[in-house]
PDB file of N, CA and C in Angstrom:
ATOM      1  N   UNK A   1      34.333  70.035  96.627  1.00  0.00           N
ATOM      2  CA  UNK A   1      33.811  69.934  95.456  1.00  0.00           C
ATOM      3  C   UNK A   1      34.701  69.844  94.398  1.00  0.00           C
ATOM      4  N   UNK A   2      35.737  70.086  94.735  1.00  0.00           N
ATOM      5  CA  UNK A   2      37.063  70.579  94.149  1.00  0.00           C
ATOM      6  C   UNK A   2      37.655  69.094  93.487  1.00  0.00           C
ATOM      7  N   UNK A   3      37.625  68.363  94.748  1.00  0.00           N
ATOM      8  CA  UNK A   3      38.110  66.990  94.799  1.00  0.00           C
ATOM      9  C   UNK A   3      37.147  66.155  94.081  1.00  0.00           C
ATOM     10  N   UNK A   4      35.894  66.486  93.616  1.00  0.00           N
ATOM     11  CA  UNK A   4      35.063  65.586  92.975  1.00  0.00           C
ATOM     12  C   UNK A   4      35.400  66.118  91.539  1.00  0.00           C
ATOM     13  N   UNK A   5      35.853  67.077  91.412  1.00  0.00           N
ATOM     14  CA  UNK A   5      36.326  67.547  89.686  1.00  0.00           C
ATOM     15  C   UNK A   5      37.448  66.696  89.504  1.00  0.00           C
ATOM     16  N   UNK A   6      38.308  66.689  90.423  1.00  0.00           N
ATOM     17  CA  UNK A   6      39.502  66.318  90.037  1.00  0.00           C
ATOM     18  C   UNK A   6      39.306  64.614  89.803  1.00  0.00           C
ATOM     19  N   UNK A   7      38.731  63.810  90.576  1.00  0.00           N
ATOM     20  CA  UNK A   7      38.367  62.299  90.266  1.00  0.00           C
ATOM     21  C   UNK A   7      37.604  62.335  89.143  1.00  0.00           C
ATOM     22  N   UNK A   8      36.738  63.199  88.708  1.00  0.00           N
ATOM     23  CA  UNK A   8      36.195  62.927  87.808  1.00  0.00           C
ATOM     24  C   UNK A   8      36.804  63.127  86.325  1.00  0.00           C
ATOM     25  N   UNK A   9      37.991  63.996  86.418  1.00  0.00           N
ATOM     26  CA  UNK A   9      38.960  64.739  85.618  1.00  0.00           C
ATOM     27  C   UNK A   9      40.023  63.187  85.414  1.00  0.00           C
ATOM     28  N   UNK A  10      40.172  62.667  86.350  1.00  0.00           N
ATOM     29  CA  UNK A  10      40.760  61.415  86.013  1.00  0.00           C
ATOM     30  C   UNK A  10      40.425  60.467  85.553  1.00  0.00           C
ATOM     31  N   UNK A  11      39.116  60.078  86.318  1.00  0.00           N
ATOM     32  CA  UNK A  11      38.497  58.951  85.641  1.00  0.00           C
ATOM     33  C   UNK A  11      38.070  59.074  83.781  1.00  0.00           C
ATOM     34  N   UNK A  12      37.602  60.396  83.626  1.00  0.00           N
ATOM     35  CA  UNK A  12      37.773  60.739  82.129  1.00  0.00           C
ATOM     36  C   UNK A  12      39.150  60.371  81.422  1.00  0.00           C
ATOM     37  N   UNK A  13      40.122  60.749  82.030  1.00  0.00           N
ATOM     38  CA  UNK A  13      41.481  60.469  81.582  1.00  0.00           C
ATOM     39  C   UNK A  13      41.642  59.156  80.950  1.00  0.00           C
ATOM     40  N   UNK A  14      41.130  58.159  82.023  1.00  0.00           N
ATOM     41  CA  UNK A  14      41.551  56.903  81.910  1.00  0.00           C
ATOM     42  C   UNK A  14      40.339  56.265  81.006  1.00  0.00           C
ATOM     43  N   UNK A  15      39.636  56.608  80.973  1.00  0.00           N
ATOM     44  CA  UNK A  15      38.216  56.425  79.651  1.00  0.00           C
ATOM     45  C   UNK A  15      38.693  56.562  78.593  1.00  0.00           C
ATOM     46  N   UNK A  16      39.205  57.599  78.145  1.00  0.00           N
ATOM     47  CA  UNK A  16      40.060  58.069  76.912  1.00  0.00           C
ATOM     48  C   UNK A  16      40.988  57.450  76.549  1.00  0.00           C
ATOM     49  N   UNK A  17      42.141  57.053  77.174  1.00  0.00           N
ATOM     50  CA  UNK A  17      43.260  56.073  76.902  1.00  0.00           C
ATOM     51  C   UNK A  17      42.666  54.957  76.628  1.00  0.00           C
ATOM     52  N   UNK A  18      41.934  54.441  76.323  1.00  0.00           N
ATOM     53  CA  UNK A  18      41.350  52.913  75.575  1.00  0.00           C
ATOM     54  C   UNK A  18      41.738  52.197  76.501  1.00  0.00           C
ATOM     55  N   UNK A  19      41.419  51.009  76.050  1.00  0.00           N
ATOM     56  CA  UNK A  19      41.570  49.253  76.786  1.00  0.00           C
ATOM     57  C   UNK A  19      42.804  48.798  76.801  1.00  0.00           C
ATOM     58  N   UNK A  20      42.876  48.473  78.231  1.00  0.00           N
ATOM     59  CA  UNK A  20      44.453  47.981  78.771  1.00  0.00           C
ATOM     60  C   UNK A  20      44.183  46.577  78.306  1.00  0.00           C
ATOM     61  N   UNK A  21      45.648  46.000  77.496  1.00  0.00           N
ATOM     62  CA  UNK A  21      45.880  44.797  77.261  1.00  0.00           C
ATOM     63  C   UNK A  21      45.897  44.042  78.443  1.00  0.00           C
ATOM     64  N   UNK A  22      45.441  43.033  78.795  1.00  0.00           N
ATOM     65  CA  UNK A  22      45.175  42.005  79.662  1.00  0.00           C
ATOM     66  C   UNK A  22      46.367  41.061  79.682  1.00  0.00           C
ATOM     67  N   UNK A  23      47.252  40.520  78.448  1.00  0.00           N
ATOM     68  CA  UNK A  23      48.186  39.678  78.247  1.00  0.00           C
ATOM     69  C   UNK A  23      49.578  40.736  78.799  1.00  0.00           C
ATOM     70  N   UNK A  24      50.289  39.511  79.664  1.00  0.00           N
ATOM     71  CA  UNK A  24      51.483  39.815  80.376  1.00  0.00           C
ATOM     72  C   UNK A  24      52.637  40.130  79.246  1.00  0.00           C
ATOM     73  N   UNK A  25      53.742  40.764  79.427  1.00  0.00           N
ATOM     74  CA  UNK A  25      54.804  41.049  78.724  1.00  0.00           C
ATOM     75  C   UNK A  25      55.669  39.597  78.915  1.00  0.00           C
ATOM     76  N   UNK A  26      55.945  38.656  77.418  1.00  0.00           N
ATOM     77  CA  UNK A  26      56.385  37.696  77.764  1.00  0.00           C
ATOM     78  C   UNK A  26      58.204  37.892  77.325  1.00  0.00           C
ATOM     79  N   UNK A  27      58.263  38.181  76.412  1.00  0.00           N
ATOM     80  CA  UNK A  27      59.623  38.273  75.685  1.00  0.00           C
ATOM     81  C   UNK A  27      59.436  39.726  75.154  1.00  0.00           C
ATOM     82  N   UNK A  28      61.219  40.293  74.789  1.00  0.00           N
ATOM     83  CA  UNK A  28      60.943  41.279  73.844  1.00  0.00           C
ATOM     84  C   UNK A  28      61.901  41.221  72.709  1.00  0.00           C
ATOM     85  N   UNK A  29      62.637  39.498  72.974  1.00  0.00           N
ATOM     86  CA  UNK A  29      63.438  38.994  72.085  1.00  0.00           C
ATOM     87  C   UNK A  29      62.826  38.897  70.610  1.00  0.00           C
ATOM     88  N   UNK A  30      63.819  38.873  69.693  1.00  0.00           N
ATOM     89  CA  UNK A  30      63.076  39.095  68.126  1.00  0.00           C
ATOM     90  C   UNK A  30      62.701  37.834  67.877  1.00  0.00           C
ATOM     91  N   UNK A  31      61.772  37.413  67.314  1.00  0.00           N
ATOM     92  CA  UNK A  31      61.335  36.060  66.759  1.00  0.00           C
ATOM     93  C   UNK A  31      61.981  35.189  66.099  1.00  0.00           C
ATOM     94  N   UNK A  32      62.929  35.371  65.783  1.00  0.00           N
ATOM     95  CA  UNK A  32      64.102  34.537  65.410  1.00  0.00           C
ATOM     96  C   UNK A  32      64.599  33.620  66.452  1.00  0.00           C
ATOM     97  N   UNK A  33      64.319  34.153  67.722  1.00  0.00           N
ATOM     98  CA  UNK A  33      65.078  33.623  69.002  1.00  0.00           C
ATOM     99  C   UNK A  33      63.975  32.400  69.559  1.00  0.00           C
ATOM    100  N   UNK A  34      62.763  32.851  68.870  1.00  0.00           N
ATOM    101  CA  UNK A  34      61.555  32.097  69.648  1.00  0.00           C
ATOM    102  C   UNK A  34      61.755  30.639  69.159  1.00  0.00           C
ATOM    103  N   UNK A  35      61.308  29.745  69.894  1.00  0.00           N
ATOM    104  CA  UNK A  35      60.977  28.518  69.701  1.00  0.00           C
ATOM    105  C   UNK A  35      60.008  28.394  68.465  1.00  0.00           C
ATOM    106  N   UNK A  36      60.034  27.608  67.734  1.00  0.00           N
ATOM    107  CA  UNK A  36      59.009  27.459  66.660  1.00  0.00           C
ATOM    108  C   UNK A  36      57.715  27.083  67.162  1.00  0.00           C
ATOM    109  N   UNK A  37      56.478  27.273  66.165  1.00  0.00           N
ATOM    110  CA  UNK A  37      55.471  26.976  66.923  1.00  0.00           C
ATOM    111  C   UNK A  37      55.068  25.122  67.339  1.00  0.00           C
ATOM    112  N   UNK A  38      55.788  24.800  66.164  1.00  0.00           N
ATOM    113  CA  UNK A  38      55.641  23.031  66.167  1.00  0.00           C
ATOM    114  C   UNK A  38      56.568  22.412  67.513  1.00  0.00           C
ATOM    115  N   UNK A  39      57.341  23.245  67.936  1.00  0.00           N
ATOM    116  CA  UNK A  39      58.161  22.744  69.041  1.00  0.00           C
ATOM    117  C   UNK A  39      57.192  23.174  70.367  1.00  0.00           C
ATOM    118  N   UNK A  40      57.027  24.274  70.343  1.00  0.00           N
ATOM    119  CA  UNK A  40      56.052  24.984  71.466  1.00  0.00           C
ATOM    120  C   UNK A  40      55.019  24.110  71.550  1.00  0.00           C
ATOM    121  N   UNK A  41      54.259  23.684  70.434  1.00  0.00           N
ATOM    122  CA  UNK A  41      52.886  22.854  70.828  1.00  0.00           C
ATOM    123  C   UNK A  41      53.357  21.582  71.535  1.00  0.00           C
ATOM    124  N   UNK A  42      54.693  20.945  71.163  1.00  0.00           N
ATOM    125  CA  UNK A  42      54.702  19.725  71.771  1.00  0.00           C
ATOM    126  C   UNK A  42      54.993  20.156  73.107  1.00  0.00           C
ATOM    127  N   UNK A  43      56.016  21.221  73.537  1.00  0.00           N
ATOM    128  CA  UNK A  43      56.104  21.526  74.964  1.00  0.00           C
ATOM    129  C   UNK A  43      54.485  21.411  75.599  1.00  0.00           C
ATOM    130  N   UNK A  44      53.532  22.117  75.086  1.00  0.00           N
ATOM    131  CA  UNK A  44      52.165  22.365  75.703  1.00  0.00           C
ATOM    132  C   UNK A  44      51.477  21.088  76.061  1.00  0.00           C
ATOM    133  N   UNK A  45      51.930  20.444  75.162  1.00  0.00           N
ATOM    134  CA  UNK A  45      51.081  18.820  75.161  1.00  0.00           C
ATOM    135  C   UNK A  45      52.046  18.549  76.269  1.00  0.00           C
ATOM    136  N   UNK A  46      53.302  18.209  76.113  1.00  0.00           N
ATOM    137  CA  UNK A  46      54.239  17.488  77.310  1.00  0.00           C
ATOM    138  C   UNK A  46      53.944  18.153  78.807  1.00  0.00           C
ATOM    139  N   UNK A  47      53.335  19.361  79.024  1.00  0.00           N
ATOM    140  CA  UNK A  47      52.951  19.981  80.221  1.00  0.00           C
ATOM    141  C   UNK A  47      51.221  19.213  80.429  1.00  0.00           C
ATOM    142  N   UNK A  48      50.721  18.547  79.866  1.00  0.00           N
ATOM    143  CA  UNK A  48      49.450  18.204  80.078  1.00  0.00           C
ATOM    144  C   UNK A  48      48.462  19.057  79.562  1.00  0.00           C
ATOM    145  N   UNK A  49      48.427  20.025  78.695  1.00  0.00           N
ATOM    146  CA  UNK A  49      47.618  20.888  78.313  1.00  0.00           C
ATOM    147  C   UNK A  49      47.253  20.055  77.206  1.00  0.00           C
ATOM    148  N   UNK A  50      45.768  19.904  76.707  1.00  0.00           N
ATOM    149  CA  UNK A  50      44.895  19.377  75.917  1.00  0.00           C
ATOM    150  C   UNK A  50      43.536  19.960  75.228  1.00  0.00           C
ATOM    151  N   UNK A  51      43.109  19.705  74.336  1.00  0.00           N
ATOM    152  CA  UNK A  51      41.997  19.844  73.774  1.00  0.00           C
ATOM    153  C   UNK A  51      42.331  21.730  73.644  1.00  0.00           C
ATOM    154  N   UNK A  52      43.363  21.880  73.016  1.00  0.00           N
ATOM    155  CA  UNK A  52      43.700  23.294  72.672  1.00  0.00           C
ATOM    156  C   UNK A  52      43.054  24.062  71.146  1.00  0.00           C
ATOM    157  N   UNK A  53      42.055  24.822  71.930  1.00  0.00           N
ATOM    158  CA  UNK A  53      41.135  25.642  70.806  1.00  0.00           C
ATOM    159  C   UNK A  53      41.439  26.606  70.150  1.00  0.00           C
ATOM    160  N   UNK A  54      42.712  27.413  70.596  1.00  0.00           N
ATOM    161  CA  UNK A  54      43.343  28.575  70.298  1.00  0.00           C
ATOM    162  C   UNK A  54      44.954  28.555  70.560  1.00  0.00           C
ATOM    163  N   UNK A  55      45.571  28.932  69.621  1.00  0.00           N
ATOM    164  CA  UNK A  55      47.292  29.126  69.678  1.00  0.00           C
ATOM    165  C   UNK A  55      47.318  30.267  68.998  1.00  0.00           C
ATOM    166  N   UNK A  56      47.748  30.934  69.694  1.00  0.00           N
ATOM    167  CA  UNK A  56      48.123  32.517  68.971  1.00  0.00           C
ATOM    168  C   UNK A  56      49.441  32.969  69.608  1.00  0.00           C
ATOM    169  N   UNK A  57      49.922  33.905  68.661  1.00  0.00           N
ATOM    170  CA  UNK A  57      50.802  34.979  69.280  1.00  0.00           C
ATOM    171  C   UNK A  57      50.350  36.379  69.582  1.00  0.00           C
ATOM    172  N   UNK A  58      50.701  36.795  70.609  1.00  0.00           N
ATOM    173  CA  UNK A  58      50.396  38.108  70.970  1.00  0.00           C
ATOM    174  C   UNK A  58      51.028  39.210  70.697  1.00  0.00           C
ATOM    175  N   UNK A  59      50.455  40.442  70.585  1.00  0.00           N
ATOM    176  CA  UNK A  59      51.295  41.426  70.416  1.00  0.00           C
ATOM    177  C   UNK A  59      52.374  41.813  71.861  1.00  0.00           C
ATOM    178  N   UNK A  60      52.421  41.444  72.837  1.00  0.00           N
ATOM    179  CA  UNK A  60      53.030  41.533  73.910  1.00  0.00           C
ATOM    180  C   UNK A  60      54.062  40.314  73.950  1.00  0.00           C
ATOM    181  N   UNK A  61      54.606  39.865  72.922  1.00  0.00           N
ATOM    182  CA  UNK A  61      55.655  38.467  73.158  1.00  0.00           C
ATOM    183  C   UNK A  61      55.064  37.445  73.550  1.00  0.00           C
ATOM    184  N   UNK A  62      54.057  36.747  73.593  1.00  0.00           N
ATOM    185  CA  UNK A  62      53.745  35.536  74.073  1.00  0.00           C
ATOM    186  C   UNK A  62      53.038  34.790  72.901  1.00  0.00           C
ATOM    187  N   UNK A  63      53.267  33.434  73.574  1.00  0.00           N
ATOM    188  CA  UNK A  63      52.651  32.205  72.999  1.00  0.00           C
ATOM    189  C   UNK A  63      51.143  32.294  73.733  1.00  0.00           C
ATOM    190  N   UNK A  64      50.343  32.138  73.286  1.00  0.00           N
ATOM    191  CA  UNK A  64      48.924  32.089  74.476  1.00  0.00           C
ATOM    192  C   UNK A  64      48.243  30.989  73.688  1.00  0.00           C
ATOM    193  N   UNK A  65      47.589  30.056  74.739  1.00  0.00           N
ATOM    194  CA  UNK A  65      46.595  29.366  74.247  1.00  0.00           C
ATOM    195  C   UNK A  65      45.227  29.291  75.187  1.00  0.00           C
ATOM    196  N   UNK A  66      44.351  28.679  74.436  1.00  0.00           N
ATOM    197  CA  UNK A  66      43.150  28.600  75.133  1.00  0.00           C
ATOM    198  C   UNK A  66      42.873  26.930  75.227  1.00  0.00           C
ATOM    199  N   UNK A  67      42.745  25.956  76.376  1.00  0.00           N
ATOM    200  CA  UNK A  67      42.510  24.545  75.973  1.00  0.00           C
ATOM    201  C   UNK A  67      42.037  24.181  77.517  1.00  0.00           C
ATOM    202  N   UNK A  68      42.399  23.269  77.988  1.00  0.00           N
ATOM    203  CA  UNK A  68      42.387  22.348  79.334  1.00  0.00           C
ATOM    204  C   UNK A  68      43.495  21.940  79.750  1.00  0.00           C
ATOM    205  N   UNK A  69      43.401  21.562  81.270  1.00  0.00           N
ATOM    206  CA  UNK A  69      44.856  21.441  81.738  1.00  0.00           C
ATOM    207  C   UNK A  69      44.647  19.889  82.020  1.00  0.00           C
ATOM    208  N   UNK A  70      45.662  19.190  82.287  1.00  0.00           N
ATOM    209  CA  UNK A  70      45.381  17.749  82.717  1.00  0.00           C
ATOM    210  C   UNK A  70      44.281  17.455  83.414  1.00  0.00           C
ATOM    211  N   UNK A  71      44.207  18.315  84.282  1.00  0.00           N
ATOM    212  CA  UNK A  71      42.778  18.060  85.658  1.00  0.00           C
ATOM    213  C   UNK A  71      41.520  18.563  85.006  1.00  0.00           C
ATOM    214  N   UNK A  72      41.518  18.869  83.487  1.00  0.00           N
ATOM    215  CA  UNK A  72      40.043  18.986  82.583  1.00  0.00           C
ATOM    216  C   UNK A  72      39.706  20.432  83.065  1.00  0.00           C
ATOM    217  N   UNK A  73      40.074  21.272  83.742  1.00  0.00           N
ATOM    218  CA  UNK A  73      39.855  22.836  83.777  1.00  0.00           C
ATOM    219  C   UNK A  73      40.084  23.390  82.657  1.00  0.00           C
ATOM    220  N   UNK A  74      39.254  24.753  82.283  1.00  0.00           N
ATOM    221  CA  UNK A  74      39.553  25.378  80.949  1.00  0.00           C
ATOM    222  C   UNK A  74      40.827  26.211  81.824  1.00  0.00           C
ATOM    223  N   UNK A  75      41.753  26.504  80.576  1.00  0.00           N
ATOM    224  CA  UNK A  75      42.803  27.354  80.987  1.00  0.00           C
ATOM    225  C   UNK A  75      43.046  28.346  79.892  1.00  0.00           C
ATOM    226  N   UNK A  76      43.330  29.329  80.116  1.00  0.00           N
ATOM    227  CA  UNK A  76      44.268  30.664  79.369  1.00  0.00           C
ATOM    228  C   UNK A  76      45.697  30.793  79.450  1.00  0.00           C
ATOM    229  N   UNK A  77      46.573  30.314  78.755  1.00  0.00           N
ATOM    230  CA  UNK A  77      47.787  30.340  79.176  1.00  0.00           C
ATOM    231  C   UNK A  77      48.974  31.237  78.531  1.00  0.00           C
ATOM    232  N   UNK A  78      49.534  31.802  78.789  1.00  0.00           N
ATOM    233  CA  UNK A  78      50.878  32.638  78.421  1.00  0.00           C
ATOM    234  C   UNK A  78      52.114  31.927  78.457  1.00  0.00           C
ATOM    235  N   UNK A  79      53.198  31.648  77.232  1.00  0.00           N
ATOM    236  CA  UNK A  79      54.112  30.942  77.426  1.00  0.00           C
ATOM    237  C   UNK A  79      54.941  31.926  77.097  1.00  0.00           C
ATOM    238  N   UNK A  80      56.350  32.223  77.518  1.00  0.00           N
ATOM    239  CA  UNK A  80      57.419  32.861  77.146  1.00  0.00           C
ATOM    240  C   UNK A  80      57.954  31.693  75.898  1.00  0.00           C
ATOM    241  N   UNK A  81      58.005  32.599  74.533  1.00  0.00           N
ATOM    242  CA  UNK A  81      58.290  31.417  73.637  1.00  0.00           C
ATOM    243  C   UNK A  81      59.734  31.292  73.180  1.00  0.00           C
ATOM    244  N   UNK A  82      60.548  31.814  73.994  1.00  0.00           N
ATOM    245  CA  UNK A  82      62.093  31.849  73.715  1.00  0.00           C
ATOM    246  C   UNK A  82      62.314  30.594  74.589  1.00  0.00           C
ATOM    247  N   UNK A  83      62.034  30.562  75.800  1.00  0.00           N
ATOM    248  CA  UNK A  83      62.198  28.979  76.601  1.00  0.00           C
ATOM    249  C   UNK A  83      60.735  28.192  77.032  1.00  0.00           C
ATOM    250  N   UNK A  84      59.788  28.554  76.797  1.00  0.00           N
ATOM    251  CA  UNK A  84      58.488  27.665  76.496  1.00  0.00           C
ATOM    252  C   UNK A  84      57.821  27.701  77.937  1.00  0.00           C
ATOM    253  N   UNK A  85      58.546  28.538  78.869  1.00  0.00           N
ATOM    254  CA  UNK A  85      58.058  28.626  80.328  1.00  0.00           C
ATOM    255  C   UNK A  85      56.793  29.269  80.917  1.00  0.00           C
ATOM    256  N   UNK A  86      56.060  28.870  81.630  1.00  0.00           N
ATOM    257  CA  UNK A  86      54.380  29.454  81.676  1.00  0.00           C
ATOM    258  C   UNK A  86      54.754  31.213  82.323  1.00  0.00           C
ATOM    259  N   UNK A  87      54.447  32.125  82.244  1.00  0.00           N
ATOM    260  CA  UNK A  87      54.351  33.575  82.252  1.00  0.00           C
ATOM    261  C   UNK A  87      52.877  33.806  83.135  1.00  0.00           C
ATOM    262  N   UNK A  88      52.084  32.961  82.668  1.00  0.00           N
ATOM    263  CA  UNK A  88      51.012  33.741  83.722  1.00  0.00           C
ATOM    264  C   UNK A  88      49.662  32.319  82.511  1.00  0.00           C
ATOM    265  N   UNK A  89      48.845  31.993  83.987  1.00  0.00           N
ATOM    266  CA  UNK A  89      47.932  30.660  83.724  1.00  0.00           C
ATOM    267  C   UNK A  89      46.332  31.227  84.560  1.00  0.00           C
ATOM    268  N   UNK A  90      45.605  31.515  83.693  1.00  0.00           N
ATOM    269  CA  UNK A  90      44.359  31.947  84.271  1.00  0.00           C
ATOM    270  C   UNK A  90      43.459  30.556  84.140  1.00  0.00           C
ATOM    271  N   UNK A  91      42.751  29.947  85.029  1.00  0.00           N
ATOM    272  CA  UNK A  91      41.938  29.124  85.090  1.00  0.00           C
ATOM    273  C   UNK A  91      40.719  28.863  85.562  1.00  0.00           C
ATOM    274  N   UNK A  92      39.699  28.361  84.770  1.00  0.00           N
ATOM    275  CA  UNK A  92      38.176  28.566  85.305  1.00  0.00           C
ATOM    276  C   UNK A  92      37.991  27.327  86.178  1.00  0.00           C
TER     277      UNK A  92
END
């Protein structure tokens, strides 16, 4: 019984802490050191991503896109905005 109460208290604490951000942390560098959006969009196109529906900046220091890879699969991709490298790619 005591264990069940402990588990319930832990779950309640997790629920109260709010949603967890799914985006990775890409950089802590100031935006002055980031590649411009135009330069980043060109790098993304050069990597073969197309039909970009969303291009945005995350609160965790990433450029994030929703679009399609060269093979046509849908992708959500997080890029390091300082060097343009891929930090995380989620593919459907």
